[in-house]
């Protein structure tokens, strides 16, 4: 069982930045593919970014086209934490952001609201 707790959401003006964090419980954090999804009102949850680790300093990040070049995902396996650095934020980035851990099944955090004002 994995528990995920997000933090770092809030209100920011367009063009600004926010950094989301997701702290995970459990002793096998490094084995999980960690990711971020977001959900717009009335829409299904959509993929934002994911990152896996294969040992040493080798990480494999992946991004949705809509955030590529603006968002950066990273992970600190020693701290059981994954981050999402969001730059050049747009009003259309406004959503609830969810942390995801995947290993045989999906685990989800409770979500954190990100609001970008124009």
N, C-alpha and C. Protein backbone atom coordinates (compact mmCIF):
# COMPACT_ATOMS: atom_id res chain seq x y z
N UNK A 1 0.84 -1.19 0.00
CA UNK A 1 0.00 0.00 0.00
C UNK A 1 0.88 1.24 0.00
N UNK A 2 0.54 2.19 -0.84
CA UNK A 2 1.29 3.44 -0.95
C UNK A 2 0.35 4.60 -0.67
N UNK A 3 0.78 5.51 0.15
CA UNK A 3 0.00 6.72 0.40
C UNK A 3 0.77 7.92 -0.18
N UNK A 4 0.05 8.78 -0.87
CA UNK A 4 0.65 9.92 -1.55
C UNK A 4 0.02 11.20 -1.01
N UNK A 5 0.85 12.18 -0.70
CA UNK A 5 0.37 13.45 -0.18
C UNK A 5 0.98 14.58 -0.99
N UNK A 6 0.11 15.31 -1.71
CA UNK A 6 0.57 16.42 -2.54
C UNK A 6 0.59 17.72 -1.74
N UNK A 7 1.43 18.64 -2.18
CA UNK A 7 1.45 19.98 -1.63
C UNK A 7 2.00 20.93 -2.69
N UNK A 8 1.79 22.22 -2.47
CA UNK A 8 2.38 23.22 -3.35
C UNK A 8 1.43 23.90 -4.31
N UNK A 9 0.19 23.47 -4.34
CA UNK A 9 -0.76 24.13 -5.23
C UNK A 9 -1.11 25.51 -4.72
N UNK A 10 -1.85 26.26 -5.53
CA UNK A 10 -2.25 27.60 -5.12
C UNK A 10 -2.67 28.45 -6.28
N UNK A 11 -2.71 29.75 -6.04
CA UNK A 11 -3.12 30.73 -7.04
C UNK A 11 -1.89 31.48 -7.54
N UNK A 12 -1.77 31.59 -8.84
CA UNK A 12 -0.63 32.29 -9.43
C UNK A 12 -1.09 33.02 -10.68
N UNK A 13 -0.43 34.11 -11.01
CA UNK A 13 -0.76 34.84 -12.24
C UNK A 13 -0.16 34.15 -13.46
N UNK A 14 -0.77 34.38 -14.58
CA UNK A 14 -0.26 33.83 -15.83
C UNK A 14 1.20 34.25 -16.02
N UNK A 15 2.01 33.29 -16.46
CA UNK A 15 3.43 33.54 -16.62
C UNK A 15 4.25 33.18 -15.40
N UNK A 16 3.57 32.93 -14.30
CA UNK A 16 4.25 32.61 -13.06
C UNK A 16 4.63 31.14 -12.95
N UNK A 17 5.12 30.79 -11.76
CA UNK A 17 5.61 29.43 -11.53
C UNK A 17 5.07 28.87 -10.22
N UNK A 18 4.95 27.56 -10.20
CA UNK A 18 4.61 26.84 -8.98
C UNK A 18 5.40 25.53 -8.97
N UNK A 19 5.64 25.03 -7.76
CA UNK A 19 6.30 23.74 -7.62
C UNK A 19 5.43 22.84 -6.76
N UNK A 20 5.00 21.74 -7.36
CA UNK A 20 4.23 20.75 -6.63
C UNK A 20 5.16 19.68 -6.08
N UNK A 21 4.81 19.18 -4.91
CA UNK A 21 5.56 18.08 -4.31
C UNK A 21 4.59 16.96 -3.96
N UNK A 22 5.10 15.75 -3.99
CA UNK A 22 4.29 14.59 -3.62
C UNK A 22 5.18 13.66 -2.79
N UNK A 23 4.82 13.51 -1.53
CA UNK A 23 5.56 12.63 -0.64
C UNK A 23 4.86 11.28 -0.57
N UNK A 24 5.63 10.22 -0.72
CA UNK A 24 5.07 8.88 -0.74
C UNK A 24 5.54 8.07 0.46
N UNK A 25 4.63 7.22 0.96
CA UNK A 25 5.01 6.28 2.01
C UNK A 25 5.55 5.02 1.35
N UNK A 26 6.10 4.13 2.14
CA UNK A 26 6.54 2.85 1.59
C UNK A 26 8.03 2.78 1.40
N UNK A 27 8.54 1.56 1.30
CA UNK A 27 9.97 1.34 1.22
C UNK A 27 10.46 1.05 -0.19
N UNK A 28 9.56 1.03 -1.16
CA UNK A 28 9.95 0.67 -2.52
C UNK A 28 9.69 1.80 -3.50
N UNK A 29 9.80 3.02 -3.00
CA UNK A 29 9.48 4.19 -3.83
C UNK A 29 10.25 4.18 -5.14
N UNK A 30 11.51 3.81 -5.10
CA UNK A 30 12.33 3.88 -6.30
C UNK A 30 11.85 2.94 -7.41
N UNK A 31 11.07 1.93 -7.05
CA UNK A 31 10.56 0.98 -8.04
C UNK A 31 9.34 1.51 -8.79
N UNK A 32 8.71 2.53 -8.25
CA UNK A 32 7.47 3.03 -8.84
C UNK A 32 7.75 4.01 -9.98
N UNK A 33 6.92 3.95 -10.98
CA UNK A 33 6.85 5.03 -11.95
C UNK A 33 5.98 6.10 -11.30
N UNK A 34 6.53 7.28 -11.14
CA UNK A 34 5.80 8.37 -10.49
C UNK A 34 5.33 9.36 -11.55
N UNK A 35 4.15 9.87 -11.34
CA UNK A 35 3.62 10.78 -12.35
C UNK A 35 2.68 11.82 -11.78
N UNK A 36 2.32 12.74 -12.64
CA UNK A 36 1.33 13.77 -12.33
C UNK A 36 0.25 13.75 -13.41
N UNK A 37 -0.98 13.86 -12.96
CA UNK A 37 -2.13 13.99 -13.82
C UNK A 37 -2.90 15.23 -13.37
N UNK A 38 -3.79 15.67 -14.23
CA UNK A 38 -4.64 16.80 -13.84
C UNK A 38 -6.05 16.58 -14.35
N UNK A 39 -6.96 17.25 -13.69
CA UNK A 39 -8.36 17.09 -14.06
C UNK A 39 -9.03 18.45 -14.10
N UNK A 40 -9.62 18.75 -15.25
CA UNK A 40 -10.41 19.97 -15.44
C UNK A 40 -11.84 19.69 -15.03
N UNK A 41 -12.58 20.71 -14.63
CA UNK A 41 -13.98 20.50 -14.25
C UNK A 41 -14.77 19.82 -15.37
N UNK A 42 -15.44 18.76 -15.02
CA UNK A 42 -16.28 18.06 -15.98
C UNK A 42 -15.52 17.20 -16.98
N UNK A 43 -14.22 17.07 -16.79
CA UNK A 43 -13.41 16.30 -17.73
C UNK A 43 -12.75 15.12 -17.02
N UNK A 44 -12.25 14.18 -17.82
CA UNK A 44 -11.52 13.06 -17.25
C UNK A 44 -10.10 13.49 -16.89
N UNK A 45 -9.53 12.75 -15.98
CA UNK A 45 -8.15 13.02 -15.58
C UNK A 45 -7.23 12.79 -16.78
N UNK A 46 -6.23 13.70 -16.96
CA UNK A 46 -5.34 13.54 -18.09
C UNK A 46 -3.88 13.53 -17.62
N UNK A 47 -3.07 12.86 -18.41
CA UNK A 47 -1.64 12.72 -18.12
C UNK A 47 -0.93 14.06 -18.28
N UNK A 48 -0.02 14.35 -17.35
CA UNK A 48 0.82 15.54 -17.44
C UNK A 48 2.28 15.16 -17.61
N UNK A 49 2.80 14.33 -16.70
CA UNK A 49 4.21 13.96 -16.76
C UNK A 49 4.43 12.71 -15.93
N UNK A 50 5.48 11.96 -16.26
CA UNK A 50 5.86 10.78 -15.47
C UNK A 50 7.36 10.66 -15.48
N UNK A 51 7.88 9.94 -14.51
CA UNK A 51 9.32 9.71 -14.43
C UNK A 51 9.60 8.35 -13.81
N UNK A 52 10.49 7.61 -14.44
CA UNK A 52 10.94 6.34 -13.90
C UNK A 52 12.44 6.40 -13.66
N UNK A 53 12.96 5.42 -12.98
CA UNK A 53 14.37 5.40 -12.59
C UNK A 53 14.90 4.00 -12.80
N UNK A 54 16.08 3.90 -13.42
CA UNK A 54 16.62 2.57 -13.68
C UNK A 54 17.93 2.33 -12.94
N UNK A 55 18.25 3.24 -12.03
CA UNK A 55 19.47 3.06 -11.25
C UNK A 55 20.48 4.16 -11.52
N UNK A 56 21.31 4.42 -10.55
CA UNK A 56 22.33 5.46 -10.70
C UNK A 56 21.70 6.82 -10.93
N UNK A 57 22.16 7.49 -11.97
CA UNK A 57 21.63 8.81 -12.29
C UNK A 57 20.76 8.78 -13.54
N UNK A 58 20.24 7.62 -13.88
CA UNK A 58 19.45 7.48 -15.10
C UNK A 58 17.96 7.57 -14.79
N UNK A 59 17.36 8.64 -15.28
CA UNK A 59 15.94 8.87 -15.12
C UNK A 59 15.30 8.99 -16.50
N UNK A 60 14.03 8.66 -16.56
CA UNK A 60 13.31 8.71 -17.82
C UNK A 60 12.06 9.55 -17.64
N UNK A 61 12.14 10.85 -17.92
CA UNK A 61 10.94 11.69 -17.85
C UNK A 61 10.17 11.67 -19.16
N UNK A 62 8.88 11.91 -19.03
CA UNK A 62 8.01 11.94 -20.20
C UNK A 62 6.93 12.98 -19.92
N UNK A 63 6.51 13.71 -20.97
CA UNK A 63 5.59 14.82 -20.79
C UNK A 63 4.47 14.81 -21.82
N UNK A 64 3.35 15.34 -21.40
CA UNK A 64 2.30 15.63 -22.37
C UNK A 64 2.75 16.79 -23.24
N UNK A 65 2.31 16.79 -24.48
CA UNK A 65 2.72 17.85 -25.40
C UNK A 65 2.33 19.24 -24.88
N UNK A 66 1.23 19.31 -24.17
CA UNK A 66 0.72 20.61 -23.72
C UNK A 66 1.61 21.27 -22.66
N UNK A 67 2.48 20.49 -22.03
CA UNK A 67 3.32 21.06 -20.97
C UNK A 67 4.80 20.96 -21.29
N UNK A 68 5.13 20.30 -22.38
CA UNK A 68 6.53 20.09 -22.74
C UNK A 68 7.23 21.44 -22.90
N UNK A 69 8.40 21.56 -22.27
CA UNK A 69 9.16 22.81 -22.33
C UNK A 69 8.80 23.80 -21.24
N UNK A 70 7.69 23.55 -20.53
CA UNK A 70 7.28 24.46 -19.46
C UNK A 70 7.33 23.78 -18.09
N UNK A 71 7.02 22.49 -18.06
CA UNK A 71 6.99 21.74 -16.81
C UNK A 71 8.19 20.79 -16.75
N UNK A 72 8.69 20.57 -15.54
CA UNK A 72 9.78 19.63 -15.32
C UNK A 72 9.45 18.72 -14.15
N UNK A 73 9.50 17.42 -14.40
CA UNK A 73 9.27 16.45 -13.34
C UNK A 73 10.61 15.93 -12.85
N UNK A 74 10.71 15.72 -11.55
CA UNK A 74 11.93 15.16 -10.98
C UNK A 74 11.55 14.32 -9.76
N UNK A 75 12.50 13.53 -9.30
CA UNK A 75 12.23 12.70 -8.14
C UNK A 75 13.47 12.62 -7.27
N UNK A 76 13.25 12.49 -5.98
CA UNK A 76 14.32 12.28 -5.02
C UNK A 76 14.00 10.97 -4.30
N UNK A 77 14.65 9.91 -4.71
CA UNK A 77 14.33 8.60 -4.14
C UNK A 77 14.71 8.51 -2.67
N UNK A 78 15.70 9.26 -2.25
CA UNK A 78 16.09 9.25 -0.84
C UNK A 78 15.03 9.88 0.04
N UNK A 79 14.25 10.79 -0.54
CA UNK A 79 13.19 11.48 0.22
C UNK A 79 11.80 10.95 -0.12
N UNK A 80 11.73 9.93 -0.98
CA UNK A 80 10.42 9.39 -1.40
C UNK A 80 9.50 10.50 -1.91
N UNK A 81 10.04 11.38 -2.72
CA UNK A 81 9.29 12.54 -3.16
C UNK A 81 9.47 12.77 -4.66
N UNK A 82 8.38 13.14 -5.29
CA UNK A 82 8.41 13.54 -6.69
C UNK A 82 7.93 14.99 -6.78
N UNK A 83 8.50 15.71 -7.71
CA UNK A 83 8.21 17.13 -7.86
C UNK A 83 7.71 17.44 -9.27
N UNK A 84 6.96 18.51 -9.37
CA UNK A 84 6.58 19.03 -10.68
C UNK A 84 6.80 20.53 -10.64
N UNK A 85 7.83 20.97 -11.36
CA UNK A 85 8.14 22.39 -11.48
C UNK A 85 7.36 22.91 -12.68
N UNK A 86 6.50 23.89 -12.44
CA UNK A 86 5.64 24.42 -13.49
C UNK A 86 5.99 25.88 -13.74
N UNK A 87 6.45 26.17 -14.93
CA UNK A 87 6.83 27.52 -15.34
C UNK A 87 5.95 28.01 -16.47
N UNK A 88 5.97 29.30 -16.70
CA UNK A 88 5.18 29.92 -17.78
C UNK A 88 3.74 29.43 -17.74
N UNK A 89 3.16 29.46 -16.58
CA UNK A 89 1.81 28.94 -16.40
C UNK A 89 0.79 29.75 -17.17
N UNK A 90 -0.21 29.04 -17.67
CA UNK A 90 -1.28 29.65 -18.45
C UNK A 90 -2.62 29.41 -17.74
N UNK A 91 -3.60 30.25 -18.01
CA UNK A 91 -4.92 30.02 -17.40
C UNK A 91 -5.47 28.62 -17.71
N UNK A 92 -5.13 28.08 -18.86
CA UNK A 92 -5.63 26.75 -19.22
C UNK A 92 -4.93 25.63 -18.46
N UNK A 93 -3.94 25.97 -17.64
CA UNK A 93 -3.33 24.98 -16.75
C UNK A 93 -4.12 24.83 -15.46
N UNK A 94 -5.12 25.67 -15.26
CA UNK A 94 -5.93 25.61 -14.05
C UNK A 94 -6.64 24.27 -13.97
N UNK A 95 -6.41 23.54 -12.88
CA UNK A 95 -6.95 22.19 -12.72
C UNK A 95 -6.60 21.69 -11.33
N UNK A 96 -7.16 20.55 -10.98
CA UNK A 96 -6.70 19.81 -9.81
C UNK A 96 -5.62 18.85 -10.27
N UNK A 97 -4.47 18.91 -9.62
CA UNK A 97 -3.33 18.08 -9.99
C UNK A 97 -3.20 16.92 -9.01
N UNK A 98 -3.04 15.72 -9.58
CA UNK A 98 -2.96 14.50 -8.79
C UNK A 98 -1.61 13.83 -8.98
N UNK A 99 -1.05 13.38 -7.88
CA UNK A 99 0.15 12.57 -7.91
C UNK A 99 -0.25 11.11 -8.14
N UNK A 100 0.56 10.39 -8.91
CA UNK A 100 0.28 9.00 -9.23
C UNK A 100 1.54 8.15 -9.03
N UNK A 101 1.34 6.98 -8.45
CA UNK A 101 2.41 5.98 -8.34
C UNK A 101 1.91 4.71 -9.01
N UNK A 102 2.75 4.15 -9.86
CA UNK A 102 2.33 2.98 -10.62
C UNK A 102 3.35 1.85 -10.50
N UNK A 103 2.87 0.72 -9.99
CA UNK A 103 3.63 -0.52 -9.97
C UNK A 103 2.62 -1.63 -9.81
N UNK A 104 2.28 -2.29 -10.88
CA UNK A 104 1.23 -3.30 -10.91
C UNK A 104 -0.17 -2.71 -10.79
N UNK A 105 -0.30 -1.63 -10.06
CA UNK A 105 -1.58 -0.91 -9.95
C UNK A 105 -1.29 0.56 -9.72
N UNK A 106 -2.35 1.36 -9.81
CA UNK A 106 -2.21 2.80 -9.63
C UNK A 106 -2.60 3.21 -8.22
N UNK A 107 -1.82 4.13 -7.68
CA UNK A 107 -2.15 4.79 -6.43
C UNK A 107 -2.26 6.28 -6.71
N UNK A 108 -3.18 6.94 -5.98
CA UNK A 108 -3.44 8.36 -6.22
C UNK A 108 -3.38 9.15 -4.94
N UNK A 109 -2.92 10.40 -5.07
CA UNK A 109 -3.03 11.34 -3.99
C UNK A 109 -4.41 11.98 -3.96
N UNK A 110 -4.60 12.89 -3.03
CA UNK A 110 -5.91 13.51 -2.85
C UNK A 110 -6.12 14.68 -3.80
N UNK A 111 -5.07 15.15 -4.43
CA UNK A 111 -5.16 16.25 -5.38
C UNK A 111 -4.87 17.59 -4.74
N UNK A 112 -4.34 18.49 -5.55
CA UNK A 112 -4.07 19.85 -5.10
C UNK A 112 -4.50 20.83 -6.21
N UNK A 113 -5.19 21.87 -5.83
CA UNK A 113 -5.73 22.82 -6.79
C UNK A 113 -4.64 23.79 -7.26
N UNK A 114 -4.57 23.96 -8.56
CA UNK A 114 -3.71 24.97 -9.17
C UNK A 114 -4.61 25.91 -9.96
N UNK A 115 -4.56 27.18 -9.64
CA UNK A 115 -5.37 28.18 -10.33
C UNK A 115 -4.45 29.25 -10.91
N UNK A 116 -4.57 29.46 -12.21
CA UNK A 116 -3.75 30.45 -12.91
C UNK A 116 -4.68 31.56 -13.40
N UNK A 117 -4.47 32.76 -12.89
CA UNK A 117 -5.33 33.89 -13.27
C UNK A 117 -4.72 34.63 -14.47
N UNK A 118 -5.60 35.18 -15.27
CA UNK A 118 -5.14 35.90 -16.47
C UNK A 118 -4.90 37.37 -16.19
